[in-house]
Amino acid sequence: MGDDNFEHLERLVTELGARGLLARVVRTQSGRTFVRVINPDATSLSENVTCRPAAVSEVSAWWYCWSWGDRMHTADDPAGAANKVARVLAVAGE
């Protein structure tokens, strides 16, 4: 899981940055990796995004997931995932 997971997360960081969000890959001491995303215009608006492999029988091999574990978007489309995160972290009225 390691390298594929990290590469998917790095691509998401790039897309989130293009949308004006602060994002970086965090690797915990236990080896867990996730993207920490913050809206720089409202730092209380933040999210942690993980990336997990799907079941073997599924078409898409990897999924970006919200911090609570629900699937957000397929990892083969980091731009689409970044759009969803940007909408969730947007300041009302933007």
PDB file of N, CA and C in Angstrom:
ATOM      1  N   MET A   1       0.829  -1.189   0.000  1.00  0.00           N
ATOM      2  CA  MET A   1       0.000   0.000   0.000  1.00  0.00           C
ATOM      3  C   MET A   1       0.871   1.249   0.000  1.00  0.00           C
ATOM      4  N   GLY A   2       1.978   1.257   0.628  1.00  0.00           N
ATOM      5  CA  GLY A   2       2.808   2.417   0.874  1.00  0.00           C
ATOM      6  C   GLY A   2       3.039   3.362  -0.274  1.00  0.00           C
ATOM      7  N   ASP A   3       3.785   2.949  -1.290  1.00  0.00           N
ATOM      8  CA  ASP A   3       4.198   3.870  -2.336  1.00  0.00           C
ATOM      9  C   ASP A   3       3.040   4.368  -3.180  1.00  0.00           C
ATOM     10  N   ASP A   4       2.124   3.478  -3.581  1.00  0.00           N
ATOM     11  CA  ASP A   4       0.961   3.914  -4.359  1.00  0.00           C
ATOM     12  C   ASP A   4       0.150   4.931  -3.567  1.00  0.00           C
ATOM     13  N   ASN A   5      -0.061   4.643  -2.302  1.00  0.00           N
ATOM     14  CA  ASN A   5      -0.801   5.530  -1.421  1.00  0.00           C
ATOM     15  C   ASN A   5      -0.153   6.912  -1.403  1.00  0.00           C
ATOM     16  N   PHE A   6       1.156   6.965  -1.199  1.00  0.00           N
ATOM     17  CA  PHE A   6       1.879   8.238  -1.117  1.00  0.00           C
ATOM     18  C   PHE A   6       1.784   9.000  -2.439  1.00  0.00           C
ATOM     19  N   GLU A   7       1.951   8.312  -3.559  1.00  0.00           N
ATOM     20  CA  GLU A   7       1.870   8.973  -4.871  1.00  0.00           C
ATOM     21  C   GLU A   7       0.489   9.570  -5.108  1.00  0.00           C
ATOM     22  N   HIS A   8      -0.554   8.849  -4.747  1.00  0.00           N
ATOM     23  CA  HIS A   8      -1.913   9.390  -4.899  1.00  0.00           C
ATOM     24  C   HIS A   8      -2.093  10.627  -4.024  1.00  0.00           C
ATOM     25  N   LEU A   9      -1.587  10.568  -2.806  1.00  0.00           N
ATOM     26  CA  LEU A   9      -1.715  11.710  -1.900  1.00  0.00           C
ATOM     27  C   LEU A   9      -0.924  12.911  -2.403  1.00  0.00           C
ATOM     28  N   GLU A  10       0.255  12.690  -2.954  1.00  0.00           N
ATOM     29  CA  GLU A  10       1.060  13.792  -3.506  1.00  0.00           C
ATOM     30  C   GLU A  10       0.335  14.464  -4.677  1.00  0.00           C
ATOM     31  N   ARG A  11      -0.297  13.680  -5.522  1.00  0.00           N
ATOM     32  CA  ARG A  11      -1.052  14.266  -6.648  1.00  0.00           C
ATOM     33  C   ARG A  11      -2.215  15.103  -6.123  1.00  0.00           C
ATOM     34  N   LEU A  12      -2.858  14.636  -5.069  1.00  0.00           N
ATOM     35  CA  LEU A  12      -3.955  15.406  -4.477  1.00  0.00           C
ATOM     36  C   LEU A  12      -3.430  16.720  -3.897  1.00  0.00           C
ATOM     37  N   VAL A  13      -2.284  16.701  -3.238  1.00  0.00           N
ATOM     38  CA  VAL A  13      -1.686  17.920  -2.679  1.00  0.00           C
ATOM     39  C   VAL A  13      -1.474  18.957  -3.778  1.00  0.00           C
ATOM     40  N   THR A  14      -0.971  18.528  -4.917  1.00  0.00           N
ATOM     41  CA  THR A  14      -0.743  19.434  -6.043  1.00  0.00           C
ATOM     42  C   THR A  14      -2.048  20.085  -6.488  1.00  0.00           C
ATOM     43  N   GLU A  15      -3.092  19.282  -6.634  1.00  0.00           N
ATOM     44  CA  GLU A  15      -4.392  19.800  -7.073  1.00  0.00           C
ATOM     45  C   GLU A  15      -5.007  20.742  -6.038  1.00  0.00           C
ATOM     46  N   LEU A  16      -4.878  20.403  -4.770  1.00  0.00           N
ATOM     47  CA  LEU A  16      -5.418  21.273  -3.725  1.00  0.00           C
ATOM     48  C   LEU A  16      -4.689  22.610  -3.693  1.00  0.00           C
ATOM     49  N   GLY A  17      -3.382  22.589  -3.875  1.00  0.00           N
ATOM     50  CA  GLY A  17      -2.599  23.819  -3.919  1.00  0.00           C
ATOM     51  C   GLY A  17      -3.020  24.714  -5.067  1.00  0.00           C
ATOM     52  N   ALA A  18      -3.360  24.099  -6.202  1.00  0.00           N
ATOM     53  CA  ALA A  18      -3.813  24.870  -7.360  1.00  0.00           C
ATOM     54  C   ALA A  18      -5.146  25.569  -7.079  1.00  0.00           C
ATOM     55  N   ARG A  19      -5.867  25.105  -6.083  1.00  0.00           N
ATOM     56  CA  ARG A  19      -7.145  25.710  -5.713  1.00  0.00           C
ATOM     57  C   ARG A  19      -6.997  26.666  -4.527  1.00  0.00           C
ATOM     58  N   GLY A  20      -5.762  26.978  -4.154  1.00  0.00           N
ATOM     59  CA  GLY A  20      -5.516  27.947  -3.091  1.00  0.00           C
ATOM     60  C   GLY A  20      -5.567  27.390  -1.690  1.00  0.00           C
ATOM     61  N   LEU A  21      -5.625  26.079  -1.551  1.00  0.00           N
ATOM     62  CA  LEU A  21      -5.666  25.469  -0.224  1.00  0.00           C
ATOM     63  C   LEU A  21      -4.260  25.078   0.204  1.00  0.00           C
ATOM     64  N   LEU A  22      -4.018  25.101   1.501  1.00  0.00           N
ATOM     65  CA  LEU A  22      -2.749  24.622   2.040  1.00  0.00           C
ATOM     66  C   LEU A  22      -2.885  23.122   2.268  1.00  0.00           C
ATOM     67  N   ALA A  23      -1.962  22.352   1.721  1.00  0.00           N
ATOM     68  CA  ALA A  23      -2.056  20.900   1.848  1.00  0.00           C
ATOM     69  C   ALA A  23      -0.667  20.291   1.903  1.00  0.00           C
ATOM     70  N   ARG A  24      -0.541  19.247   2.711  1.00  0.00           N
ATOM     71  CA  ARG A  24       0.718  18.516   2.763  1.00  0.00           C
ATOM     72  C   ARG A  24       0.441  17.081   3.185  1.00  0.00           C
ATOM     73  N   VAL A  25       1.321  16.189   2.764  1.00  0.00           N
ATOM     74  CA  VAL A  25       1.208  14.799   3.180  1.00  0.00           C
ATOM     75  C   VAL A  25       1.839  14.664   4.557  1.00  0.00           C
ATOM     76  N   VAL A  26       1.119  14.025   5.457  1.00  0.00           N
ATOM     77  CA  VAL A  26       1.600  13.767   6.806  1.00  0.00           C
ATOM     78  C   VAL A  26       1.789  12.263   6.951  1.00  0.00           C
ATOM     79  N   ARG A  27       2.935  11.880   7.479  1.00  0.00           N
ATOM     80  CA  ARG A  27       3.182  10.465   7.766  1.00  0.00           C
ATOM     81  C   ARG A  27       3.399  10.346   9.276  1.00  0.00           C
ATOM     82  N   THR A  28       2.525   9.597   9.934  1.00  0.00           N
ATOM     83  CA  THR A  28       2.624   9.432  11.379  1.00  0.00           C
ATOM     84  C   THR A  28       3.723   8.432  11.727  1.00  0.00           C
ATOM     85  N   GLN A  29       4.088   8.379  12.981  1.00  0.00           N
ATOM     86  CA  GLN A  29       5.102   7.418  13.423  1.00  0.00           C
ATOM     87  C   GLN A  29       4.667   5.981  13.174  1.00  0.00           C
ATOM     88  N   SER A  30       3.367   5.744  13.194  1.00  0.00           N
ATOM     89  CA  SER A  30       2.865   4.391  12.947  1.00  0.00           C
ATOM     90  C   SER A  30       2.888   4.033  11.459  1.00  0.00           C
ATOM     91  N   GLY A  31       3.211   5.021  10.603  1.00  0.00           N
ATOM     92  CA  GLY A  31       3.273   4.770   9.166  1.00  0.00           C
ATOM     93  C   GLY A  31       2.027   5.185   8.414  1.00  0.00           C
ATOM     94  N   ARG A  32       0.985   5.584   9.128  1.00  0.00           N
ATOM     95  CA  ARG A  32      -0.245   6.050   8.472  1.00  0.00           C
ATOM     96  C   ARG A  32       0.037   7.357   7.739  1.00  0.00           C
ATOM     97  N   THR A  33      -0.477   7.480   6.521  1.00  0.00           N
ATOM     98  CA  THR A  33      -0.305   8.709   5.758  1.00  0.00           C
ATOM     99  C   THR A  33      -1.660   9.300   5.407  1.00  0.00           C
ATOM    100  N   PHE A  34      -1.703  10.620   5.351  1.00  0.00           N
ATOM    101  CA  PHE A  34      -2.914  11.333   4.973  1.00  0.00           C
ATOM    102  C   PHE A  34      -2.533  12.720   4.505  1.00  0.00           C
ATOM    103  N   VAL A  35      -3.461  13.398   3.850  1.00  0.00           N
ATOM    104  CA  VAL A  35      -3.260  14.783   3.451  1.00  0.00           C
ATOM    105  C   VAL A  35      -3.994  15.668   4.443  1.00  0.00           C
ATOM    106  N   ARG A  36      -3.280  16.608   5.025  1.00  0.00           N
ATOM    107  CA  ARG A  36      -3.868  17.615   5.899  1.00  0.00           C
ATOM    108  C   ARG A  36      -4.142  18.829   5.022  1.00  0.00           C
ATOM    109  N   VAL A  37      -5.403  19.251   4.970  1.00  0.00           N
ATOM    110  CA  VAL A  37      -5.814  20.361   4.111  1.00  0.00           C
ATOM    111  C   VAL A  37      -6.404  21.459   4.980  1.00  0.00           C
ATOM    112  N   ILE A  38      -5.989  22.703   4.715  1.00  0.00           N
ATOM    113  CA  ILE A  38      -6.486  23.853   5.471  1.00  0.00           C
ATOM    114  C   ILE A  38      -6.835  24.967   4.487  1.00  0.00           C
ATOM    115  N   ASN A  39      -7.963  25.620   4.734  1.00  0.00           N
ATOM    116  CA  ASN A  39      -8.314  26.815   3.979  1.00  0.00           C
ATOM    117  C   ASN A  39      -7.560  27.977   4.615  1.00  0.00           C
ATOM    118  N   PRO A  40      -6.616  28.606   3.904  1.00  0.00           N
ATOM    119  CA  PRO A  40      -5.818  29.677   4.507  1.00  0.00           C
ATOM    120  C   PRO A  40      -6.631  30.922   4.848  1.00  0.00           C
ATOM    121  N   ASP A  41      -7.815  31.061   4.260  1.00  0.00           N
ATOM    122  CA  ASP A  41      -8.665  32.217   4.547  1.00  0.00           C
ATOM    123  C   ASP A  41      -9.553  31.994   5.764  1.00  0.00           C
ATOM    124  N   ALA A  42      -9.622  30.748   6.222  1.00  0.00           N
ATOM    125  CA  ALA A  42     -10.414  30.394   7.403  1.00  0.00           C
ATOM    126  C   ALA A  42      -9.805  29.114   7.968  1.00  0.00           C
ATOM    127  N   THR A  43      -8.765  29.277   8.765  1.00  0.00           N
ATOM    128  CA  THR A  43      -7.971  28.120   9.189  1.00  0.00           C
ATOM    129  C   THR A  43      -8.731  27.106  10.043  1.00  0.00           C
ATOM    130  N   SER A  44      -9.891  27.482  10.535  1.00  0.00           N
ATOM    131  CA  SER A  44     -10.700  26.496  11.264  1.00  0.00           C
ATOM    132  C   SER A  44     -11.347  25.495  10.302  1.00  0.00           C
ATOM    133  N   LEU A  45     -11.339  25.818   9.012  1.00  0.00           N
ATOM    134  CA  LEU A  45     -11.868  24.899   8.004  1.00  0.00           C
ATOM    135  C   LEU A  45     -10.727  24.013   7.525  1.00  0.00           C
ATOM    136  N   SER A  46     -10.752  22.755   7.954  1.00  0.00           N
ATOM    137  CA  SER A  46      -9.685  21.827   7.608  1.00  0.00           C
ATOM    138  C   SER A  46     -10.249  20.416   7.454  1.00  0.00           C
ATOM    139  N   GLU A  47      -9.447  19.567   6.845  1.00  0.00           N
ATOM    140  CA  GLU A  47      -9.863  18.180   6.619  1.00  0.00           C
ATOM    141  C   GLU A  47      -8.617  17.323   6.481  1.00  0.00           C
ATOM    142  N   ASN A  48      -8.723  16.062   6.868  1.00  0.00           N
ATOM    143  CA  ASN A  48      -7.685  15.065   6.628  1.00  0.00           C
ATOM    144  C   ASN A  48      -8.233  14.072   5.619  1.00  0.00           C
ATOM    145  N   VAL A  49      -7.504  13.854   4.540  1.00  0.00           N
ATOM    146  CA  VAL A  49      -7.937  12.938   3.480  1.00  0.00           C
ATOM    147  C   VAL A  49      -6.972  11.769   3.426  1.00  0.00           C
ATOM    148  N   THR A  50      -7.521  10.566   3.438  1.00  0.00           N
ATOM    149  CA  THR A  50      -6.709   9.363   3.302  1.00  0.00           C
ATOM    150  C   THR A  50      -6.913   8.775   1.913  1.00  0.00           C
ATOM    151  N   CYS A  51      -6.124   7.769   1.597  1.00  0.00           N
ATOM    152  CA  CYS A  51      -6.262   7.068   0.325  1.00  0.00           C
ATOM    153  C   CYS A  51      -6.136   5.579   0.621  1.00  0.00           C
ATOM    154  N   ARG A  52      -7.131   4.822   0.173  1.00  0.00           N
ATOM    155  CA  ARG A  52      -7.161   3.394   0.479  1.00  0.00           C
ATOM    156  C   ARG A  52      -7.387   2.560  -0.765  1.00  0.00           C
ATOM    157  N   PRO A  53      -6.827   1.358  -0.755  1.00  0.00           N
ATOM    158  CA  PRO A  53      -7.091   0.459  -1.879  1.00  0.00           C
ATOM    159  C   PRO A  53      -8.523  -0.056  -1.796  1.00  0.00           C
ATOM    160  N   ALA A  54      -9.105  -0.280  -2.951  1.00  0.00           N
ATOM    161  CA  ALA A  54     -10.455  -0.836  -3.021  1.00  0.00           C
ATOM    162  C   ALA A  54     -10.372  -2.357  -3.021  1.00  0.00           C
ATOM    163  N   ALA A  55     -11.519  -2.980  -2.911  1.00  0.00           N
ATOM    164  CA  ALA A  55     -11.574  -4.434  -3.022  1.00  0.00           C
ATOM    165  C   ALA A  55     -11.117  -4.844  -4.422  1.00  0.00           C
ATOM    166  N   VAL A  56     -10.527  -5.993  -4.531  1.00  0.00           N
ATOM    167  CA  VAL A  56      -9.971  -6.481  -5.800  1.00  0.00           C
ATOM    168  C   VAL A  56     -11.007  -6.473  -6.921  1.00  0.00           C
ATOM    169  N   SER A  57     -12.243  -6.745  -6.608  1.00  0.00           N
ATOM    170  CA  SER A  57     -13.288  -6.852  -7.630  1.00  0.00           C
ATOM    171  C   SER A  57     -13.777  -5.506  -8.159  1.00  0.00           C
ATOM    172  N   GLU A  58     -13.371  -4.411  -7.529  1.00  0.00           N
ATOM    173  CA  GLU A  58     -13.846  -3.094  -7.950  1.00  0.00           C
ATOM    174  C   GLU A  58     -13.000  -2.547  -9.097  1.00  0.00           C
ATOM    175  N   VAL A  59     -13.625  -1.699  -9.915  1.00  0.00           N
ATOM    176  CA  VAL A  59     -12.959  -1.142 -11.096  1.00  0.00           C
ATOM    177  C   VAL A  59     -11.812  -0.221 -10.698  1.00  0.00           C
ATOM    178  N   SER A  60     -12.064   0.747  -9.850  1.00  0.00           N
ATOM    179  CA  SER A  60     -11.021   1.681  -9.428  1.00  0.00           C
ATOM    180  C   SER A  60     -10.214   1.042  -8.302  1.00  0.00           C
ATOM    181  N   ALA A  61      -8.902   1.106  -8.406  1.00  0.00           N
ATOM    182  CA  ALA A  61      -8.050   0.425  -7.442  1.00  0.00           C
ATOM    183  C   ALA A  61      -7.858   1.202  -6.140  1.00  0.00           C
ATOM    184  N   TRP A  62      -7.957   2.531  -6.178  1.00  0.00           N
ATOM    185  CA  TRP A  62      -7.718   3.361  -4.995  1.00  0.00           C
ATOM    186  C   TRP A  62      -8.807   4.417  -4.862  1.00  0.00           C
ATOM    187  N   TRP A  63      -9.104   4.779  -3.616  1.00  0.00           N
ATOM    188  CA  TRP A  63     -10.113   5.791  -3.315  1.00  0.00           C
ATOM    189  C   TRP A  63      -9.572   6.799  -2.320  1.00  0.00           C
ATOM    190  N   TYR A  64      -9.872   8.080  -2.545  1.00  0.00           N
ATOM    191  CA  TYR A  64      -9.665   9.099  -1.524  1.00  0.00           C
ATOM    192  C   TYR A  64     -10.839   8.999  -0.570  1.00  0.00           C
ATOM    193  N   CYS A  65     -10.558   9.150   0.731  1.00  0.00           N
ATOM    194  CA  CYS A  65     -11.613   9.023   1.739  1.00  0.00           C
ATOM    195  C   CYS A  65     -11.582  10.214   2.689  1.00  0.00           C
ATOM    196  N   TRP A  66     -12.780  10.601   3.138  1.00  0.00           N
ATOM    197  CA  TRP A  66     -12.907  11.663   4.126  1.00  0.00           C
ATOM    198  C   TRP A  66     -12.345  11.186   5.463  1.00  0.00           C
ATOM    199  N   SER A  67     -12.128  12.099   6.374  1.00  0.00           N
ATOM    200  CA  SER A  67     -11.549  11.761   7.678  1.00  0.00           C
ATOM    201  C   SER A  67     -12.397  10.762   8.460  1.00  0.00           C
ATOM    202  N   TRP A  68     -13.693  10.729   8.226  1.00  0.00           N
ATOM    203  CA  TRP A  68     -14.563   9.801   8.949  1.00  0.00           C
ATOM    204  C   TRP A  68     -14.643   8.439   8.259  1.00  0.00           C
ATOM    205  N   GLY A  69     -13.921   8.273   7.125  1.00  0.00           N
ATOM    206  CA  GLY A  69     -13.812   6.960   6.496  1.00  0.00           C
ATOM    207  C   GLY A  69     -14.646   6.746   5.253  1.00  0.00           C
ATOM    208  N   ASP A  70     -15.611   7.602   4.988  1.00  0.00           N
ATOM    209  CA  ASP A  70     -16.433   7.440   3.784  1.00  0.00           C
ATOM    210  C   ASP A  70     -15.609   7.739   2.539  1.00  0.00           C
ATOM    211  N   ARG A  71     -15.885   6.982   1.486  1.00  0.00           N
ATOM    212  CA  ARG A  71     -15.229   7.250   0.207  1.00  0.00           C
ATOM    213  C   ARG A  71     -15.668   8.602  -0.332  1.00  0.00           C
ATOM    214  N   MET A  72     -14.696   9.329  -0.903  1.00  0.00           N
ATOM    215  CA  MET A  72     -14.979  10.640  -1.472  1.00  0.00           C
ATOM    216  C   MET A  72     -14.938  10.592  -2.993  1.00  0.00           C
ATOM    217  N   HIS A  73     -13.836  10.045  -3.540  1.00  0.00           N
ATOM    218  CA  HIS A  73     -13.616  10.118  -4.985  1.00  0.00           C
ATOM    219  C   HIS A  73     -12.535   9.106  -5.370  1.00  0.00           C
ATOM    220  N   THR A  74     -12.578   8.647  -6.609  1.00  0.00           N
ATOM    221  CA  THR A  74     -11.547   7.715  -7.062  1.00  0.00           C
ATOM    222  C   THR A  74     -10.196   8.425  -7.146  1.00  0.00           C
ATOM    223  N   ALA A  75      -9.142   7.716  -6.812  1.00  0.00           N
ATOM    224  CA  ALA A  75      -7.804   8.311  -6.774  1.00  0.00           C
ATOM    225  C   ALA A  75      -7.218   8.522  -8.166  1.00  0.00           C
ATOM    226  N   ASP A  76      -7.852   7.965  -9.188  1.00  0.00           N
ATOM    227  CA  ASP A  76      -7.345   8.210 -10.540  1.00  0.00           C
ATOM    228  C   ASP A  76      -7.793   9.570 -11.074  1.00  0.00           C
ATOM    229  N   ASP A  77      -8.513  10.340 -10.253  1.00  0.00           N
ATOM    230  CA  ASP A  77      -8.967  11.680 -10.624  1.00  0.00           C
ATOM    231  C   ASP A  77      -8.723  12.645  -9.457  1.00  0.00           C
ATOM    232  N   PRO A  78      -7.460  12.983  -9.176  1.00  0.00           N
ATOM    233  CA  PRO A  78      -7.193  13.872  -8.046  1.00  0.00           C
ATOM    234  C   PRO A  78      -7.808  15.261  -8.212  1.00  0.00           C
ATOM    235  N   ALA A  79      -7.982  15.724  -9.445  1.00  0.00           N
ATOM    236  CA  ALA A  79      -8.607  17.036  -9.664  1.00  0.00           C
ATOM    237  C   ALA A  79     -10.062  17.016  -9.190  1.00  0.00           C
ATOM    238  N   GLY A  80     -10.774  15.954  -9.495  1.00  0.00           N
ATOM    239  CA  GLY A  80     -12.162  15.833  -9.043  1.00  0.00           C
ATOM    240  C   GLY A  80     -12.253  15.781  -7.523  1.00  0.00           C
ATOM    241  N   ALA A  81     -11.334  15.059  -6.904  1.00  0.00           N
ATOM    242  CA  ALA A  81     -11.305  14.976  -5.441  1.00  0.00           C
ATOM    243  C   ALA A  81     -10.999  16.349  -4.848  1.00  0.00           C
ATOM    244  N   ALA A  82     -10.045  17.060  -5.444  1.00  0.00           N
ATOM    245  CA  ALA A  82      -9.682  18.390  -4.948  1.00  0.00           C
ATOM    246  C   ALA A  82     -10.861  19.351  -5.052  1.00  0.00           C
ATOM    247  N   ASN A  83     -11.647  19.245  -6.111  1.00  0.00           N
ATOM    248  CA  ASN A  83     -12.836  20.092  -6.247  1.00  0.00           C
ATOM    249  C   ASN A  83     -13.812  19.845  -5.104  1.00  0.00           C
ATOM    250  N   LYS A  84     -13.999  18.578  -4.736  1.00  0.00           N
ATOM    251  CA  LYS A  84     -14.920  18.256  -3.639  1.00  0.00           C
ATOM    252  C   LYS A  84     -14.414  18.824  -2.319  1.00  0.00           C
ATOM    253  N   VAL A  85     -13.139  18.651  -2.050  1.00  0.00           N
ATOM    254  CA  VAL A  85     -12.568  19.168  -0.807  1.00  0.00           C
ATOM    255  C   VAL A  85     -12.664  20.699  -0.781  1.00  0.00           C
ATOM    256  N   ALA A  86     -12.360  21.333  -1.898  1.00  0.00           N
ATOM    257  CA  ALA A  86     -12.432  22.801  -1.972  1.00  0.00           C
ATOM    258  C   ALA A  86     -13.852  23.294  -1.690  1.00  0.00           C
ATOM    259  N   ARG A  87     -14.859  22.593  -2.197  1.00  0.00           N
ATOM    260  CA  ARG A  87     -16.252  22.987  -1.930  1.00  0.00           C
ATOM    261  C   ARG A  87     -16.574  22.870  -0.443  1.00  0.00           C
ATOM    262  N   VAL A  88     -16.126  21.787   0.184  1.00  0.00           N
ATOM    263  CA  VAL A  88     -16.415  21.565   1.595  1.00  0.00           C
ATOM    264  C   VAL A  88     -15.711  22.598   2.474  1.00  0.00           C
ATOM    265  N   LEU A  89     -14.505  22.992   2.085  1.00  0.00           N
ATOM    266  CA  LEU A  89     -13.723  23.933   2.905  1.00  0.00           C
ATOM    267  C   LEU A  89     -13.911  25.391   2.512  1.00  0.00           C
ATOM    268  N   ALA A  90     -14.813  25.649   1.586  1.00  0.00           N
ATOM    269  CA  ALA A  90     -15.038  27.032   1.142  1.00  0.00           C
ATOM    270  C   ALA A  90     -15.727  27.838   2.238  1.00  0.00           C
ATOM    271  N   VAL A  91     -15.367  29.107   2.307  1.00  0.00           N
ATOM    272  CA  VAL A  91     -16.017  30.033   3.212  1.00  0.00           C
ATOM    273  C   VAL A  91     -17.380  30.382   2.608  1.00  0.00           C
ATOM    274  N   ALA A  92     -18.406  30.429   3.418  1.00  0.00           N
ATOM    275  CA  ALA A  92     -19.746  30.766   2.931  1.00  0.00           C
ATOM    276  C   ALA A  92     -19.699  32.069   2.145  1.00  0.00           C
ATOM    277  N   GLY A  93     -20.310  32.063   0.971  1.00  0.00           N
ATOM    278  CA  GLY A  93     -20.363  33.241   0.142  1.00  0.00           C
ATOM    279  C   GLY A  93     -19.268  33.314  -0.900  1.00  0.00           C
ATOM    280  N   GLU A  94     -18.316  32.374  -0.864  1.00  0.00           N
ATOM    281  CA  GLU A  94     -17.236  32.380  -1.877  1.00  0.00           C
ATOM    282  C   GLU A  94     -17.758  31.829  -3.182  1.00  0.00           C
TER     283      GLU A  94
END
